[in-house]
């Protein structure tokens, strides 16, 4: 377990022989890491400062995120496109990278963050998985993309399910249960 000396990181640990750092940021009204939730110049500056604070606290150079749309769209973050993910409006819900010094992230509340870590290669990914994304099978499409783009099979991956809303706090109607095919249950 890692312990950071700052107020931004709630939970962090090193995984797989110190190859990765994973973390969950605290809910803090004065911090916001998501450009897709803001409109004004003042709000965008708050996001920039929040991201700089986070990156400084973990000694990373870049934070790649997406404009999340509850989809199955997945992107590979590489040297050629890295800067596009910094303050972009690129729509999607999954990121995979093998770049050192790059933090990839998603924003969640009710939805589930899925963190993918390769045991054999220095490749990691993250997905924002809400019910729409799960229905579109973003979780399995992430596995397919690891195999296609990096030669990493599902058996070589650790998948961490991050904090999310629980059954006690969220209910769905019968219509939602009927919406999902039997294979999900």
N, C-alpha and C. Protein backbone atom coordinates (compact mmCIF):
# COMPACT_ATOMS: atom_id res chain seq x y z
N UNK A 1 0.84 -1.18 0.00
CA UNK A 1 0.00 0.00 0.00
C UNK A 1 0.88 1.24 0.00
N UNK A 2 0.54 2.19 -0.83
CA UNK A 2 1.23 3.47 -0.86
C UNK A 2 0.47 4.47 -0.03
N UNK A 3 1.16 5.39 0.57
CA UNK A 3 0.51 6.47 1.28
C UNK A 3 1.06 7.77 0.74
N UNK A 4 0.19 8.59 0.16
CA UNK A 4 0.62 9.87 -0.36
C UNK A 4 0.41 10.94 0.69
N UNK A 5 1.34 11.88 0.77
CA UNK A 5 1.27 12.97 1.72
C UNK A 5 0.52 14.14 1.10
N UNK A 6 -0.71 13.94 0.71
CA UNK A 6 -1.51 15.04 0.19
C UNK A 6 -2.97 14.78 0.47
N UNK A 7 -3.79 15.75 0.16
CA UNK A 7 -5.21 15.65 0.46
C UNK A 7 -6.03 15.17 -0.73
N UNK A 8 -5.40 14.97 -1.89
CA UNK A 8 -6.16 14.63 -3.08
C UNK A 8 -6.40 13.13 -3.25
N UNK A 9 -5.44 12.31 -2.84
CA UNK A 9 -5.53 10.88 -3.05
C UNK A 9 -6.17 10.22 -1.83
N UNK A 10 -7.24 9.48 -2.06
CA UNK A 10 -7.92 8.77 -0.99
C UNK A 10 -7.34 7.37 -0.81
N UNK A 11 -7.04 6.73 -1.90
CA UNK A 11 -6.65 5.33 -1.88
C UNK A 11 -5.62 5.12 -2.97
N UNK A 12 -4.50 4.60 -2.63
CA UNK A 12 -3.50 4.33 -3.66
C UNK A 12 -2.66 3.14 -3.25
N UNK A 13 -2.19 2.39 -4.21
CA UNK A 13 -1.28 1.29 -3.92
C UNK A 13 -0.48 0.94 -5.14
N UNK A 14 0.64 0.31 -4.88
CA UNK A 14 1.46 -0.18 -5.98
C UNK A 14 1.04 -1.62 -6.26
N UNK A 15 0.98 -1.93 -7.52
CA UNK A 15 0.55 -3.27 -7.91
C UNK A 15 1.57 -3.89 -8.85
N UNK A 16 1.64 -5.20 -8.82
CA UNK A 16 2.45 -5.98 -9.75
C UNK A 16 3.90 -5.49 -9.80
N UNK A 17 4.63 -5.84 -8.78
CA UNK A 17 6.06 -5.55 -8.71
C UNK A 17 6.39 -4.09 -9.00
N UNK A 18 5.62 -3.19 -8.41
CA UNK A 18 5.86 -1.74 -8.50
C UNK A 18 5.78 -1.19 -9.92
N UNK A 19 5.08 -1.87 -10.81
CA UNK A 19 4.95 -1.40 -12.19
C UNK A 19 3.88 -0.33 -12.35
N UNK A 20 2.90 -0.30 -11.47
CA UNK A 20 1.77 0.60 -11.61
C UNK A 20 1.45 1.27 -10.28
N UNK A 21 0.87 2.46 -10.38
CA UNK A 21 0.27 3.12 -9.22
C UNK A 21 -1.20 3.30 -9.57
N UNK A 22 -2.07 2.84 -8.71
CA UNK A 22 -3.51 3.00 -8.90
C UNK A 22 -4.05 3.84 -7.77
N UNK A 23 -5.04 4.67 -8.05
CA UNK A 23 -5.58 5.49 -6.98
C UNK A 23 -6.99 5.97 -7.27
N UNK A 24 -7.65 6.38 -6.22
CA UNK A 24 -8.98 6.95 -6.29
C UNK A 24 -8.89 8.31 -5.61
N UNK A 25 -9.33 9.36 -6.28
CA UNK A 25 -9.26 10.67 -5.67
C UNK A 25 -10.46 10.90 -4.76
N UNK A 26 -10.26 11.73 -3.76
CA UNK A 26 -11.33 12.08 -2.84
C UNK A 26 -12.32 13.01 -3.51
N UNK A 27 -13.55 12.94 -3.04
CA UNK A 27 -14.54 13.93 -3.46
C UNK A 27 -14.21 15.21 -2.71
N UNK A 28 -13.98 16.26 -3.47
CA UNK A 28 -13.60 17.53 -2.87
C UNK A 28 -14.24 18.63 -3.71
N UNK A 29 -15.14 19.42 -3.13
CA UNK A 29 -15.84 20.45 -3.91
C UNK A 29 -14.92 21.49 -4.55
N UNK A 30 -13.73 21.67 -4.01
CA UNK A 30 -12.82 22.67 -4.58
C UNK A 30 -11.94 22.09 -5.69
N UNK A 31 -12.02 20.77 -5.93
CA UNK A 31 -11.23 20.14 -6.99
C UNK A 31 -12.17 19.54 -8.03
N UNK A 32 -11.77 19.62 -9.28
CA UNK A 32 -12.53 19.01 -10.36
C UNK A 32 -11.52 18.63 -11.44
N UNK A 33 -11.53 17.37 -11.85
CA UNK A 33 -10.57 16.88 -12.83
C UNK A 33 -11.17 16.72 -14.23
N UNK A 34 -12.46 16.99 -14.38
CA UNK A 34 -13.17 16.66 -15.62
C UNK A 34 -13.55 17.90 -16.41
N UNK A 35 -12.94 18.07 -17.57
CA UNK A 35 -13.27 19.19 -18.43
C UNK A 35 -14.69 19.10 -18.98
N UNK A 36 -15.19 17.88 -19.16
CA UNK A 36 -16.51 17.75 -19.77
C UNK A 36 -17.65 18.16 -18.84
N UNK A 37 -17.35 18.50 -17.60
CA UNK A 37 -18.39 18.92 -16.67
C UNK A 37 -18.42 20.44 -16.49
N UNK A 38 -17.54 21.16 -17.17
CA UNK A 38 -17.44 22.61 -16.95
C UNK A 38 -17.75 23.39 -18.23
N UNK A 39 -18.11 24.67 -18.05
CA UNK A 39 -18.46 25.51 -19.18
C UNK A 39 -17.64 26.80 -19.20
N UNK A 40 -17.54 27.47 -18.07
CA UNK A 40 -16.91 28.78 -18.05
C UNK A 40 -15.39 28.70 -18.01
N UNK A 41 -14.75 29.80 -18.35
CA UNK A 41 -13.29 29.89 -18.30
C UNK A 41 -12.79 29.69 -16.87
N UNK A 42 -13.49 30.24 -15.90
CA UNK A 42 -13.13 30.09 -14.49
C UNK A 42 -13.16 28.62 -14.08
N UNK A 43 -14.21 27.90 -14.49
CA UNK A 43 -14.33 26.47 -14.18
C UNK A 43 -13.21 25.67 -14.84
N UNK A 44 -12.88 26.02 -16.08
CA UNK A 44 -11.78 25.33 -16.78
C UNK A 44 -10.45 25.55 -16.08
N UNK A 45 -10.24 26.74 -15.56
CA UNK A 45 -9.01 27.01 -14.81
C UNK A 45 -8.94 26.21 -13.52
N UNK A 46 -10.09 26.00 -12.87
CA UNK A 46 -10.13 25.15 -11.67
C UNK A 46 -9.74 23.72 -12.04
N UNK A 47 -10.24 23.23 -13.17
CA UNK A 47 -9.89 21.88 -13.62
C UNK A 47 -8.39 21.80 -13.91
N UNK A 48 -7.85 22.79 -14.59
CA UNK A 48 -6.41 22.79 -14.89
C UNK A 48 -5.58 22.75 -13.60
N UNK A 49 -5.93 23.59 -12.65
CA UNK A 49 -5.19 23.62 -11.37
C UNK A 49 -5.35 22.30 -10.60
N UNK A 50 -6.54 21.75 -10.61
CA UNK A 50 -6.78 20.47 -9.93
C UNK A 50 -5.94 19.36 -10.54
N UNK A 51 -5.88 19.32 -11.86
CA UNK A 51 -5.09 18.31 -12.56
C UNK A 51 -3.60 18.49 -12.29
N UNK A 52 -3.13 19.73 -12.30
CA UNK A 52 -1.72 19.99 -12.00
C UNK A 52 -1.37 19.53 -10.59
N UNK A 53 -2.25 19.80 -9.64
CA UNK A 53 -2.03 19.37 -8.25
C UNK A 53 -1.95 17.84 -8.17
N UNK A 54 -2.88 17.18 -8.83
CA UNK A 54 -2.89 15.71 -8.83
C UNK A 54 -1.63 15.15 -9.47
N UNK A 55 -1.27 15.66 -10.64
CA UNK A 55 -0.08 15.17 -11.33
C UNK A 55 1.18 15.41 -10.51
N UNK A 56 1.30 16.58 -9.90
CA UNK A 56 2.47 16.86 -9.05
C UNK A 56 2.53 15.90 -7.88
N UNK A 57 1.38 15.55 -7.30
CA UNK A 57 1.36 14.69 -6.12
C UNK A 57 1.83 13.27 -6.40
N UNK A 58 1.72 12.82 -7.66
CA UNK A 58 2.15 11.46 -8.01
C UNK A 58 3.33 11.46 -8.99
N UNK A 59 3.90 12.63 -9.25
CA UNK A 59 5.06 12.78 -10.13
C UNK A 59 4.82 12.25 -11.55
N UNK A 60 3.68 12.59 -12.11
CA UNK A 60 3.36 12.25 -13.48
C UNK A 60 3.32 13.52 -14.31
N UNK A 61 3.45 13.39 -15.63
CA UNK A 61 3.48 14.55 -16.52
C UNK A 61 2.15 14.81 -17.21
N UNK A 62 1.40 13.76 -17.48
CA UNK A 62 0.18 13.89 -18.27
C UNK A 62 -0.99 13.18 -17.60
N UNK A 63 -2.18 13.75 -17.79
CA UNK A 63 -3.41 13.10 -17.37
C UNK A 63 -4.31 13.01 -18.60
N UNK A 64 -4.60 11.81 -19.03
CA UNK A 64 -5.45 11.58 -20.20
C UNK A 64 -6.84 11.16 -19.72
N UNK A 65 -7.85 11.88 -20.20
CA UNK A 65 -9.24 11.56 -19.87
C UNK A 65 -10.09 11.73 -21.12
N UNK A 66 -11.33 11.37 -21.00
CA UNK A 66 -12.28 11.45 -22.12
C UNK A 66 -13.54 12.21 -21.70
N UNK A 67 -14.30 12.64 -22.68
CA UNK A 67 -15.65 13.11 -22.43
C UNK A 67 -16.50 11.84 -22.41
N UNK A 68 -16.86 11.41 -21.24
CA UNK A 68 -17.53 10.12 -21.07
C UNK A 68 -18.97 10.19 -21.56
N UNK A 69 -19.37 9.18 -22.32
CA UNK A 69 -20.69 9.18 -22.95
C UNK A 69 -21.45 7.87 -22.75
N UNK A 70 -21.01 7.04 -21.81
CA UNK A 70 -21.67 5.75 -21.53
C UNK A 70 -21.68 4.88 -22.79
N UNK A 71 -20.48 4.66 -23.34
CA UNK A 71 -20.34 3.95 -24.61
C UNK A 71 -19.41 2.74 -24.46
N UNK A 72 -19.04 2.19 -25.61
CA UNK A 72 -18.03 1.15 -25.66
C UNK A 72 -16.81 1.62 -26.46
N UNK A 73 -16.65 2.93 -26.60
CA UNK A 73 -15.52 3.48 -27.35
C UNK A 73 -14.25 3.45 -26.51
N UNK A 74 -13.19 2.91 -27.09
CA UNK A 74 -11.92 2.73 -26.40
C UNK A 74 -10.82 3.35 -27.26
N UNK A 75 -9.89 4.04 -26.61
CA UNK A 75 -8.77 4.67 -27.31
C UNK A 75 -7.44 4.19 -26.73
N UNK A 76 -6.46 4.08 -27.61
CA UNK A 76 -5.09 3.81 -27.21
C UNK A 76 -4.40 5.17 -27.07
N UNK A 77 -3.81 5.44 -25.93
CA UNK A 77 -3.06 6.68 -25.71
C UNK A 77 -1.60 6.37 -26.04
N UNK A 78 -1.07 7.08 -27.06
CA UNK A 78 0.32 6.87 -27.46
C UNK A 78 1.02 8.23 -27.61
N UNK A 79 2.29 8.20 -27.97
CA UNK A 79 3.06 9.45 -28.07
C UNK A 79 2.47 10.41 -29.10
N UNK A 80 1.92 9.89 -30.16
CA UNK A 80 1.39 10.73 -31.23
C UNK A 80 0.10 11.45 -30.83
N UNK A 81 -0.72 10.84 -30.00
CA UNK A 81 -2.01 11.45 -29.69
C UNK A 81 -2.15 11.90 -28.23
N UNK A 82 -1.11 11.78 -27.45
CA UNK A 82 -1.17 12.05 -26.01
C UNK A 82 -1.77 13.42 -25.69
N UNK A 83 -1.35 14.45 -26.37
CA UNK A 83 -1.83 15.79 -26.05
C UNK A 83 -3.31 15.99 -26.35
N UNK A 84 -3.88 15.20 -27.25
CA UNK A 84 -5.30 15.32 -27.56
C UNK A 84 -6.19 14.98 -26.37
N UNK A 85 -5.72 14.13 -25.49
CA UNK A 85 -6.54 13.67 -24.37
C UNK A 85 -6.43 14.56 -23.14
N UNK A 86 -5.61 15.59 -23.19
CA UNK A 86 -5.41 16.44 -22.02
C UNK A 86 -6.60 17.34 -21.73
N UNK A 87 -7.05 18.12 -22.69
CA UNK A 87 -8.19 19.01 -22.48
C UNK A 87 -9.21 18.82 -23.59
N UNK A 88 -9.36 17.62 -24.05
CA UNK A 88 -10.15 17.39 -25.25
C UNK A 88 -11.61 17.11 -24.96
N UNK A 89 -12.36 17.09 -26.04
CA UNK A 89 -13.75 16.65 -26.00
C UNK A 89 -13.88 15.32 -26.73
N UNK A 90 -12.82 14.52 -26.71
CA UNK A 90 -12.88 13.20 -27.35
C UNK A 90 -13.85 12.35 -26.55
N UNK A 91 -14.84 11.82 -27.23
CA UNK A 91 -15.89 11.05 -26.57
C UNK A 91 -15.54 9.58 -26.51
N UNK A 92 -15.73 8.99 -25.35
CA UNK A 92 -15.48 7.57 -25.16
C UNK A 92 -15.47 7.21 -23.69
N UNK A 93 -15.18 5.95 -23.40
CA UNK A 93 -15.23 5.49 -22.02
C UNK A 93 -14.13 4.51 -21.66
N UNK A 94 -13.14 4.32 -22.53
CA UNK A 94 -12.03 3.43 -22.21
C UNK A 94 -10.72 3.96 -22.75
N UNK A 95 -9.66 3.85 -21.95
CA UNK A 95 -8.32 4.26 -22.34
C UNK A 95 -7.33 3.15 -22.02
N UNK A 96 -6.38 2.95 -22.92
CA UNK A 96 -5.30 1.97 -22.70
C UNK A 96 -4.00 2.65 -23.11
N UNK A 97 -2.95 2.43 -22.33
CA UNK A 97 -1.65 2.99 -22.69
C UNK A 97 -0.51 2.11 -22.19
N UNK A 98 0.63 2.29 -22.84
CA UNK A 98 1.87 1.67 -22.37
C UNK A 98 2.92 2.75 -22.12
N UNK A 99 2.48 4.00 -22.07
CA UNK A 99 3.40 5.12 -21.86
C UNK A 99 3.73 5.31 -20.39
N UNK A 100 4.98 5.52 -20.10
CA UNK A 100 5.42 5.79 -18.74
C UNK A 100 5.14 7.26 -18.43
N UNK A 101 4.76 7.56 -17.20
CA UNK A 101 4.53 8.93 -16.78
C UNK A 101 3.20 9.50 -17.21
N UNK A 102 2.30 8.65 -17.68
CA UNK A 102 0.98 9.09 -18.12
C UNK A 102 -0.07 8.50 -17.18
N UNK A 103 -0.87 9.37 -16.60
CA UNK A 103 -1.97 8.96 -15.75
C UNK A 103 -3.22 8.93 -16.62
N UNK A 104 -3.96 7.83 -16.59
CA UNK A 104 -5.22 7.75 -17.33
C UNK A 104 -6.33 7.68 -16.30
N UNK A 105 -7.46 8.33 -16.60
CA UNK A 105 -8.50 8.38 -15.60
C UNK A 105 -9.90 8.47 -16.16
N UNK A 106 -10.84 8.11 -15.31
CA UNK A 106 -12.26 8.27 -15.58
C UNK A 106 -12.90 8.89 -14.35
N UNK A 107 -14.05 9.51 -14.56
CA UNK A 107 -14.85 10.04 -13.47
C UNK A 107 -16.03 9.11 -13.25
N UNK A 108 -16.31 8.80 -12.00
CA UNK A 108 -17.45 7.92 -11.72
C UNK A 108 -18.22 8.42 -10.50
N UNK A 109 -19.46 8.03 -10.44
CA UNK A 109 -20.31 8.24 -9.27
C UNK A 109 -21.09 6.94 -9.09
N UNK A 110 -22.15 6.79 -9.88
CA UNK A 110 -22.91 5.54 -9.86
C UNK A 110 -22.21 4.44 -10.64
N UNK A 111 -21.47 4.83 -11.65
CA UNK A 111 -20.84 3.86 -12.55
C UNK A 111 -19.59 3.23 -11.93
N UNK A 112 -19.06 2.23 -12.61
CA UNK A 112 -17.96 1.44 -12.09
C UNK A 112 -16.66 1.76 -12.84
N UNK A 113 -15.60 2.13 -12.11
CA UNK A 113 -14.30 2.23 -12.77
C UNK A 113 -13.66 0.84 -12.82
N UNK A 114 -13.23 0.42 -13.99
CA UNK A 114 -12.54 -0.86 -14.16
C UNK A 114 -11.09 -0.55 -14.53
N UNK A 115 -10.16 -1.05 -13.73
CA UNK A 115 -8.73 -0.79 -13.94
C UNK A 115 -8.09 -2.10 -14.42
N UNK A 116 -7.39 -2.03 -15.54
CA UNK A 116 -6.77 -3.19 -16.15
C UNK A 116 -5.25 -3.05 -16.06
N UNK A 117 -4.57 -4.06 -15.53
CA UNK A 117 -3.12 -4.03 -15.38
C UNK A 117 -2.53 -5.32 -15.93
N UNK A 118 -1.60 -5.19 -16.87
CA UNK A 118 -0.94 -6.36 -17.43
C UNK A 118 0.15 -6.85 -16.48
N UNK A 119 0.18 -8.14 -16.27
CA UNK A 119 1.24 -8.74 -15.45
C UNK A 119 2.51 -8.96 -16.25
N UNK A 120 2.40 -9.05 -17.57
CA UNK A 120 3.54 -9.44 -18.39
C UNK A 120 4.17 -8.28 -19.17
N UNK A 121 3.39 -7.27 -19.48
CA UNK A 121 3.88 -6.12 -20.23
C UNK A 121 3.46 -4.86 -19.48
N UNK A 122 4.15 -3.79 -19.69
CA UNK A 122 3.82 -2.53 -19.02
C UNK A 122 2.71 -1.82 -19.79
N UNK A 123 1.50 -2.36 -19.68
CA UNK A 123 0.32 -1.82 -20.34
C UNK A 123 -0.80 -1.76 -19.30
N UNK A 124 -1.52 -0.64 -19.29
CA UNK A 124 -2.64 -0.52 -18.36
C UNK A 124 -3.81 0.15 -19.05
N UNK A 125 -4.98 0.01 -18.46
CA UNK A 125 -6.17 0.62 -19.04
C UNK A 125 -7.18 0.93 -17.97
N UNK A 126 -8.14 1.75 -18.35
CA UNK A 126 -9.23 2.08 -17.44
C UNK A 126 -10.50 2.27 -18.25
N UNK A 127 -11.62 1.83 -17.68
CA UNK A 127 -12.91 1.98 -18.35
C UNK A 127 -13.93 2.54 -17.38
N UNK A 128 -14.81 3.35 -17.92
CA UNK A 128 -15.97 3.88 -17.21
C UNK A 128 -17.13 2.97 -17.61
N UNK A 129 -17.63 2.17 -16.69
CA UNK A 129 -18.62 1.15 -17.03
C UNK A 129 -19.93 1.39 -16.28
N UNK A 130 -20.84 2.08 -16.93
CA UNK A 130 -22.20 2.22 -16.43
C UNK A 130 -23.06 1.13 -17.06
N UNK A 131 -24.35 1.17 -16.81
CA UNK A 131 -25.18 0.10 -17.35
C UNK A 131 -25.19 0.11 -18.87
N UNK A 132 -25.13 1.29 -19.48
CA UNK A 132 -25.11 1.35 -20.94
C UNK A 132 -23.81 0.75 -21.50
N UNK A 133 -22.70 1.09 -20.85
CA UNK A 133 -21.42 0.54 -21.29
C UNK A 133 -21.33 -0.96 -21.09
N UNK A 134 -21.86 -1.44 -19.98
CA UNK A 134 -21.88 -2.89 -19.72
C UNK A 134 -22.77 -3.58 -20.76
N UNK A 135 -23.92 -2.97 -21.06
CA UNK A 135 -24.80 -3.54 -22.08
C UNK A 135 -24.07 -3.64 -23.41
N UNK A 136 -23.25 -2.62 -23.73
CA UNK A 136 -22.48 -2.62 -24.97
C UNK A 136 -21.18 -3.41 -24.84
N UNK A 137 -20.95 -3.96 -23.65
CA UNK A 137 -19.83 -4.85 -23.33
C UNK A 137 -18.46 -4.17 -23.39
N UNK A 138 -18.37 -2.96 -22.84
CA UNK A 138 -17.08 -2.28 -22.81
C UNK A 138 -16.05 -3.10 -22.05
N UNK A 139 -16.47 -3.82 -21.03
CA UNK A 139 -15.54 -4.63 -20.22
C UNK A 139 -14.85 -5.71 -21.06
N UNK A 140 -15.59 -6.37 -21.94
CA UNK A 140 -14.97 -7.41 -22.78
C UNK A 140 -14.24 -6.79 -23.97
N UNK A 141 -14.72 -5.66 -24.45
CA UNK A 141 -14.04 -4.98 -25.55
C UNK A 141 -12.68 -4.43 -25.11
N UNK A 142 -12.56 -4.07 -23.84
CA UNK A 142 -11.25 -3.67 -23.31
C UNK A 142 -10.28 -4.86 -23.40
N UNK A 143 -10.74 -6.04 -23.01
CA UNK A 143 -9.90 -7.23 -23.09
C UNK A 143 -9.47 -7.50 -24.53
N UNK A 144 -10.42 -7.37 -25.46
CA UNK A 144 -10.11 -7.58 -26.88
C UNK A 144 -9.09 -6.57 -27.39
N UNK A 145 -9.20 -5.33 -26.93
CA UNK A 145 -8.26 -4.28 -27.38
C UNK A 145 -6.86 -4.51 -26.83
N UNK A 146 -6.76 -4.99 -25.59
CA UNK A 146 -5.45 -5.34 -25.03
C UNK A 146 -4.79 -6.41 -25.90
N UNK A 147 -5.55 -7.41 -26.31
CA UNK A 147 -5.01 -8.49 -27.13
C UNK A 147 -4.61 -7.97 -28.51
N UNK A 148 -5.51 -7.22 -29.16
CA UNK A 148 -5.28 -6.73 -30.52
C UNK A 148 -4.12 -5.74 -30.59
N UNK A 149 -4.07 -4.78 -29.69
CA UNK A 149 -3.09 -3.69 -29.78
C UNK A 149 -1.76 -3.98 -29.10
N UNK A 150 -1.77 -4.85 -28.07
CA UNK A 150 -0.54 -5.06 -27.30
C UNK A 150 -0.16 -6.52 -27.12
N UNK A 151 -0.97 -7.44 -27.66
CA UNK A 151 -0.66 -8.85 -27.53
C UNK A 151 -0.81 -9.38 -26.11
N UNK A 152 -1.65 -8.72 -25.31
CA UNK A 152 -1.87 -9.13 -23.92
C UNK A 152 -3.19 -9.89 -23.84
N UNK A 153 -3.13 -11.15 -23.44
CA UNK A 153 -4.35 -11.96 -23.34
C UNK A 153 -5.04 -11.70 -22.01
N UNK A 154 -6.33 -11.98 -21.91
CA UNK A 154 -7.07 -11.76 -20.66
C UNK A 154 -6.44 -12.45 -19.45
N UNK A 155 -5.84 -13.61 -19.65
CA UNK A 155 -5.23 -14.33 -18.53
C UNK A 155 -4.00 -13.61 -17.97
N UNK A 156 -3.47 -12.66 -18.72
CA UNK A 156 -2.30 -11.90 -18.29
C UNK A 156 -2.67 -10.59 -17.59
N UNK A 157 -3.97 -10.37 -17.39
CA UNK A 157 -4.43 -9.11 -16.82
C UNK A 157 -4.98 -9.26 -15.41
N UNK A 158 -4.71 -8.26 -14.59
CA UNK A 158 -5.42 -8.07 -13.33
C UNK A 158 -6.48 -7.02 -13.63
N UNK A 159 -7.70 -7.23 -13.16
CA UNK A 159 -8.74 -6.24 -13.31
C UNK A 159 -9.23 -5.86 -11.92
N UNK A 160 -9.20 -4.57 -11.65
CA UNK A 160 -9.63 -4.05 -10.35
C UNK A 160 -10.95 -3.33 -10.56
N UNK A 161 -11.93 -3.69 -9.75
CA UNK A 161 -13.22 -3.01 -9.78
C UNK A 161 -13.17 -1.93 -8.70
N UNK A 162 -13.27 -0.68 -9.13
CA UNK A 162 -13.16 0.44 -8.19
C UNK A 162 -14.46 0.74 -7.48
N UNK A 163 -14.44 1.74 -6.61
CA UNK A 163 -15.64 2.12 -5.85
C UNK A 163 -16.79 2.54 -6.78
N UNK A 164 -17.99 2.15 -6.40
CA UNK A 164 -19.17 2.45 -7.20
C UNK A 164 -20.41 2.37 -6.32
N UNK A 165 -21.54 2.75 -6.86
CA UNK A 165 -22.78 2.69 -6.10
C UNK A 165 -23.13 1.23 -5.81
N UNK A 166 -23.73 1.01 -4.67
CA UNK A 166 -24.05 -0.36 -4.24
C UNK A 166 -25.57 -0.60 -4.31
N UNK A 167 -25.92 -1.86 -4.24
CA UNK A 167 -27.32 -2.28 -4.31
C UNK A 167 -28.20 -1.58 -3.28
N UNK A 168 -27.64 -1.34 -2.09
CA UNK A 168 -28.42 -0.72 -1.02
C UNK A 168 -28.84 0.72 -1.35
N UNK A 169 -28.15 1.34 -2.27
CA UNK A 169 -28.36 2.76 -2.56
C UNK A 169 -28.94 3.02 -3.94
N UNK A 170 -29.26 1.98 -4.67
CA UNK A 170 -29.67 2.14 -6.06
C UNK A 170 -30.62 1.02 -6.42
N UNK A 171 -31.76 1.37 -6.93
CA UNK A 171 -32.69 0.32 -7.33
C UNK A 171 -33.07 0.52 -8.79
N UNK A 172 -33.41 -0.57 -9.43
CA UNK A 172 -33.85 -0.53 -10.82
C UNK A 172 -35.20 -1.21 -10.93
N UNK A 173 -35.95 -0.78 -11.92
CA UNK A 173 -37.26 -1.37 -12.13
C UNK A 173 -37.18 -2.65 -12.96
N UNK A 174 -38.31 -3.31 -13.05
CA UNK A 174 -38.39 -4.55 -13.82
C UNK A 174 -38.04 -4.32 -15.28
N UNK A 175 -38.34 -3.13 -15.80
CA UNK A 175 -38.03 -2.82 -17.19
C UNK A 175 -36.53 -2.90 -17.47
N UNK A 176 -35.73 -2.49 -16.50
CA UNK A 176 -34.28 -2.56 -16.68
C UNK A 176 -33.81 -4.02 -16.66
N UNK A 177 -34.37 -4.82 -15.79
CA UNK A 177 -34.01 -6.24 -15.75
C UNK A 177 -34.37 -6.93 -17.06
N UNK A 178 -35.49 -6.56 -17.62
CA UNK A 178 -35.92 -7.15 -18.89
C UNK A 178 -35.09 -6.64 -20.06
N UNK A 179 -34.51 -5.46 -19.92
CA UNK A 179 -33.70 -4.85 -20.97
C UNK A 179 -32.43 -5.66 -21.24
N UNK A 180 -31.86 -6.21 -20.17
CA UNK A 180 -30.61 -6.97 -20.30
C UNK A 180 -30.90 -8.41 -20.68
N UNK A 181 -30.14 -8.93 -21.64
CA UNK A 181 -30.31 -10.34 -22.02
C UNK A 181 -29.98 -11.28 -20.84
N UNK A 182 -30.47 -12.45 -20.92
CA UNK A 182 -30.27 -13.46 -19.89
C UNK A 182 -28.79 -13.71 -19.59
N UNK A 183 -27.91 -13.55 -20.58
CA UNK A 183 -26.49 -13.86 -20.40
C UNK A 183 -25.82 -12.99 -19.33
N UNK A 184 -26.44 -11.87 -18.96
CA UNK A 184 -25.85 -11.00 -17.95
C UNK A 184 -26.14 -11.47 -16.53
N UNK A 185 -27.05 -12.45 -16.37
CA UNK A 185 -27.43 -12.86 -15.02
C UNK A 185 -27.07 -14.26 -14.73
